[in-house]
Protein backbone atom coordinates (compact mmCIF):
# COMPACT_ATOMS: atom_id res chain seq x y z
CA UNK A 1 -68.70 -63.62 118.92
CA UNK A 2 -71.41 -65.87 116.56
CA UNK A 3 -74.55 -63.62 117.46
CA UNK A 4 -75.76 -65.70 119.57
CA UNK A 5 -77.48 -63.64 122.93
CA UNK A 6 -77.98 -65.47 126.32
CA UNK A 7 -81.70 -66.21 126.67
CA UNK A 8 -83.80 -68.14 129.74
CA UNK A 9 -86.37 -69.65 130.05
CA UNK A 10 -88.51 -69.47 132.77
CA UNK A 11 -91.75 -68.64 134.98
CA UNK A 12 -93.17 -64.91 134.30
CA UNK A 13 -92.39 -64.74 138.21
CA UNK A 14 -88.48 -65.41 137.92
CA UNK A 15 -88.43 -62.63 135.16
CA UNK A 16 -89.75 -60.10 137.03
CA UNK A 17 -88.43 -60.62 140.25
CA UNK A 18 -84.72 -61.21 138.11
CA UNK A 19 -85.40 -57.27 136.64
CA UNK A 20 -87.18 -55.57 139.24
CA UNK A 21 -85.40 -56.81 142.19
CA UNK A 22 -82.20 -58.25 141.49
CA UNK A 23 -80.25 -55.70 139.66
CA UNK A 24 -80.97 -56.85 136.39
CA UNK A 25 -82.77 -53.84 134.52
CA UNK A 26 -81.51 -55.42 130.36
CA UNK A 27 -82.96 -58.42 131.32
CA UNK A 28 -86.54 -57.98 129.58
CA UNK A 29 -89.49 -60.40 130.02
CA UNK A 30 -90.83 -61.83 126.71
CA UNK A 31 -94.09 -63.48 126.79
CA UNK A 32 -94.26 -65.08 122.46
CA UNK A 33 -96.48 -63.78 120.55
CA UNK A 34 -96.97 -67.50 118.57
CA UNK A 35 -97.86 -69.25 121.56
CA UNK A 36 -97.58 -68.75 125.68
CA UNK A 37 -98.89 -71.32 128.11
CA UNK A 38 -99.99 -70.33 131.78
CA UNK A 39 -99.95 -72.20 134.66
CA UNK A 40 -102.61 -70.85 136.92
CA UNK A 41 -100.08 -71.45 140.85
CA UNK A 42 -102.27 -73.70 142.66
CA UNK A 43 -103.49 -74.37 146.43
CA UNK A 44 -104.40 -77.96 148.66
CA UNK A 45 -105.81 -78.85 151.34
CA UNK A 46 -103.70 -81.83 153.55
CA UNK A 47 -106.15 -84.10 153.99
CA UNK A 48 -105.70 -85.38 157.93
CA UNK A 49 -103.97 -82.15 158.82
CA UNK A 50 -103.50 -80.69 162.65
CA UNK A 51 -105.27 -77.86 161.79
CA UNK A 52 -107.55 -77.99 158.78
CA UNK A 53 -109.29 -75.30 159.96
CA UNK A 54 -106.98 -72.82 159.29
CA UNK A 55 -105.42 -74.39 155.87
CA UNK A 56 -109.16 -73.27 154.80
CA UNK A 57 -108.86 -69.92 156.69
CA UNK A 58 -106.08 -69.46 154.49
CA UNK A 59 -106.97 -70.31 151.14
CA UNK A 60 -110.24 -68.39 151.37
CA UNK A 61 -108.04 -65.37 151.82
CA UNK A 62 -105.35 -66.75 149.23
CA UNK A 63 -108.02 -65.60 146.43
CA UNK A 64 -109.23 -62.44 148.25
CA UNK A 65 -108.06 -59.33 146.56
CA UNK A 66 -105.90 -58.21 148.95
CA UNK A 67 -104.65 -61.24 148.58
CA UNK A 68 -103.66 -61.54 144.54
CA UNK A 69 -102.52 -57.70 145.22
CA UNK A 70 -99.41 -59.03 147.51
CA UNK A 71 -98.78 -61.83 145.37
CA UNK A 72 -98.59 -59.53 142.53
CA UNK A 73 -96.04 -57.34 144.48
CA UNK A 74 -93.78 -60.90 145.21
CA UNK A 75 -94.75 -61.02 141.26
CA UNK A 76 -97.30 -63.44 140.32
CA UNK A 77 -99.96 -62.79 138.24
CA UNK A 78 -102.88 -61.94 139.80
CA UNK A 79 -105.15 -64.90 138.54
CA UNK A 80 -109.26 -63.17 140.14
CA UNK A 81 -111.15 -62.12 137.20
CA UNK A 82 -112.30 -57.85 136.35
CA UNK A 83 -109.45 -57.79 139.33
CA UNK A 84 -107.39 -53.97 138.91
CA UNK A 85 -103.88 -53.73 140.25
CA UNK A 86 -103.09 -50.70 141.32
CA UNK A 87 -101.51 -49.36 138.46
CA UNK A 88 -97.67 -49.56 139.56
CA UNK A 89 -97.80 -53.74 139.96
CA UNK A 90 -100.12 -53.12 136.74
CA UNK A 91 -97.51 -51.93 134.41
CA UNK A 92 -94.56 -54.65 135.87
CA UNK A 93 -96.91 -57.21 133.84
CA UNK A 94 -96.86 -57.48 130.59
CA UNK A 95 -100.26 -57.92 128.04
CA UNK A 96 -100.95 -61.83 127.86
CA UNK A 97 -100.46 -62.04 123.89
CA UNK A 98 -104.55 -63.27 122.17
CA UNK A 99 -102.62 -67.72 122.11
CA UNK A 100 -102.19 -68.28 125.63
CA UNK A 101 -103.14 -71.67 126.88
CA UNK A 102 -103.41 -73.36 129.97
CA UNK A 103 -101.75 -76.12 130.59
CA UNK A 104 -103.56 -79.46 132.11
CA UNK A 105 -102.05 -80.17 134.64
CA UNK A 106 -103.65 -83.83 134.75
CA UNK A 107 -102.36 -83.77 130.88
CA UNK A 108 -98.66 -82.31 131.43
CA UNK A 109 -98.70 -85.28 134.95
CA UNK A 110 -100.31 -88.23 132.85
CA UNK A 111 -97.59 -87.17 130.10
CA UNK A 112 -94.09 -87.20 132.23
CA UNK A 113 -92.60 -89.55 130.97
CA UNK A 114 -92.51 -88.67 127.52
CA UNK A 115 -92.03 -84.61 128.92
CA UNK A 116 -88.46 -86.37 130.16
CA UNK A 117 -87.11 -88.27 127.62
CA UNK A 118 -88.02 -86.25 125.02
CA UNK A 119 -86.35 -82.94 127.23
CA UNK A 120 -82.04 -83.08 126.16
CA UNK A 121 -83.18 -83.42 122.54
CA UNK A 122 -85.00 -79.64 122.57
C-alpha cells in the first residue's frame, strides 16, 4: 500500500445515492471548499412535440415545492430560492462551500473539444 485511497469524482446526487441507498455507508460526499462547480439540471420542451401542453405542465410542476422535495428524495439538490426541505432530507446535503461557481453551459459546450483533448492529461 502506498497511501493511496479510492477517489471518485462525480455528481453530488450519485455520491449521495451510493451512500444512502447502495449500502456504502463509508462513502463520503465532499464538496471542495477551494472550488466547487454547480450546474442546474435542465428541462426543455421539444419544438413540435405531439403533447406540448403536457410538457408545459411537467415543467410547471418541476418548479413547485412538491417536485423539489421529490427531487431531493432522489438526492438532487433543490434549486428554488428560499425553499426549505424537511430536516430529514436537508441532512443529506452538505452546505455548499462559499466558493461555488455555476457552470456556464454554453461556454462549456463551446470548449468541449478543448476539454476532451485535455482530459486524458488530467
